[in-house]
């Protein structure tokens, strides 16, 4: 680790540099564009919402039986 390394500073935007394209291997981890995302996502109801719906259904059945 005590090796002295030579650092070379270059001008420009780096478009002319010969650098390994490691970014090609990282593309698998990038998010999909919104057009490719699933459109129909079902979000389960919470336990509280389920209990409230059950109570409402019971009340509706009582009213229908009258």
Protein backbone atom coordinates (compact mmCIF):
# COMPACT_ATOMS: atom_id res chain seq x y z
CA UNK A 1 0.00 0.00 0.00
CA UNK A 2 2.97 2.29 0.31
CA UNK A 3 3.61 2.17 -3.43
CA UNK A 4 3.82 5.53 -5.13
CA UNK A 5 1.43 5.61 -8.05
CA UNK A 6 1.59 8.05 -10.90
CA UNK A 7 -1.61 9.98 -11.49
CA UNK A 8 -2.11 11.62 -14.85
CA UNK A 9 -4.62 14.44 -15.24
CA UNK A 10 -6.16 14.71 -18.70
CA UNK A 11 -8.21 17.51 -20.22
CA UNK A 12 -11.54 17.05 -21.96
CA UNK A 13 -14.77 15.20 -21.27
CA UNK A 14 -13.29 11.68 -21.30
CA UNK A 15 -14.97 10.62 -24.53
CA UNK A 16 -11.63 9.74 -26.08
CA UNK A 17 -10.43 7.59 -23.15
CA UNK A 18 -10.18 3.82 -23.46
CA UNK A 19 -11.93 2.76 -20.25
CA UNK A 20 -13.38 -0.66 -19.46
CA UNK A 21 -17.18 -0.67 -19.96
CA UNK A 22 -17.97 -2.00 -16.49
CA UNK A 23 -21.24 -0.11 -16.57
CA UNK A 24 -22.65 -2.71 -19.02
CA UNK A 25 -22.68 -5.26 -16.22
CA UNK A 26 -24.46 -2.86 -13.90
CA UNK A 27 -27.43 -2.23 -16.19
CA UNK A 28 -29.26 -5.23 -14.74
CA UNK A 29 -29.68 -3.32 -11.49
CA UNK A 30 -31.26 -0.22 -13.02
CA UNK A 31 -35.01 0.32 -12.61
CA UNK A 32 -37.31 -0.38 -15.54
CA UNK A 33 -38.83 2.52 -17.45
CA UNK A 34 -42.37 3.31 -16.33
CA UNK A 35 -43.80 1.93 -19.59
CA UNK A 36 -42.51 -1.56 -18.71
CA UNK A 37 -43.67 -1.58 -15.10
CA UNK A 38 -46.68 -3.74 -14.22
CA UNK A 39 -49.93 -1.84 -14.49
CA UNK A 40 -52.25 -3.94 -12.30
CA UNK A 41 -50.82 -4.09 -8.82
CA UNK A 42 -53.04 -5.39 -6.04
CA UNK A 43 -52.37 -3.95 -2.61
CA UNK A 44 -53.80 -6.15 0.15
CA UNK A 45 -56.09 -4.53 2.68
CA UNK A 46 -55.00 -4.09 6.25
CA UNK A 47 -56.56 -6.18 9.00
CA UNK A 48 -58.45 -3.12 10.24
CA UNK A 49 -59.99 -2.51 6.80
CA UNK A 50 -60.99 -6.18 6.54
CA UNK A 51 -62.67 -6.08 9.95
CA UNK A 52 -64.56 -2.89 9.02
CA UNK A 53 -65.74 -4.46 5.76
CA UNK A 54 -66.89 -7.60 7.58
CA UNK A 55 -68.92 -5.48 10.00
CA UNK A 56 -70.48 -3.53 7.11
CA UNK A 57 -71.37 -6.76 5.32
CA UNK A 58 -73.02 -8.14 8.46
CA UNK A 59 -75.08 -4.96 8.82
CA UNK A 60 -76.14 -5.10 5.16
CA UNK A 61 -77.26 -8.72 5.54
CA UNK A 62 -79.27 -7.81 8.63
CA UNK A 63 -80.97 -4.99 6.74
CA UNK A 64 -81.72 -7.29 3.77
CA UNK A 65 -83.30 -9.91 6.02
CA UNK A 66 -85.74 -7.42 7.56
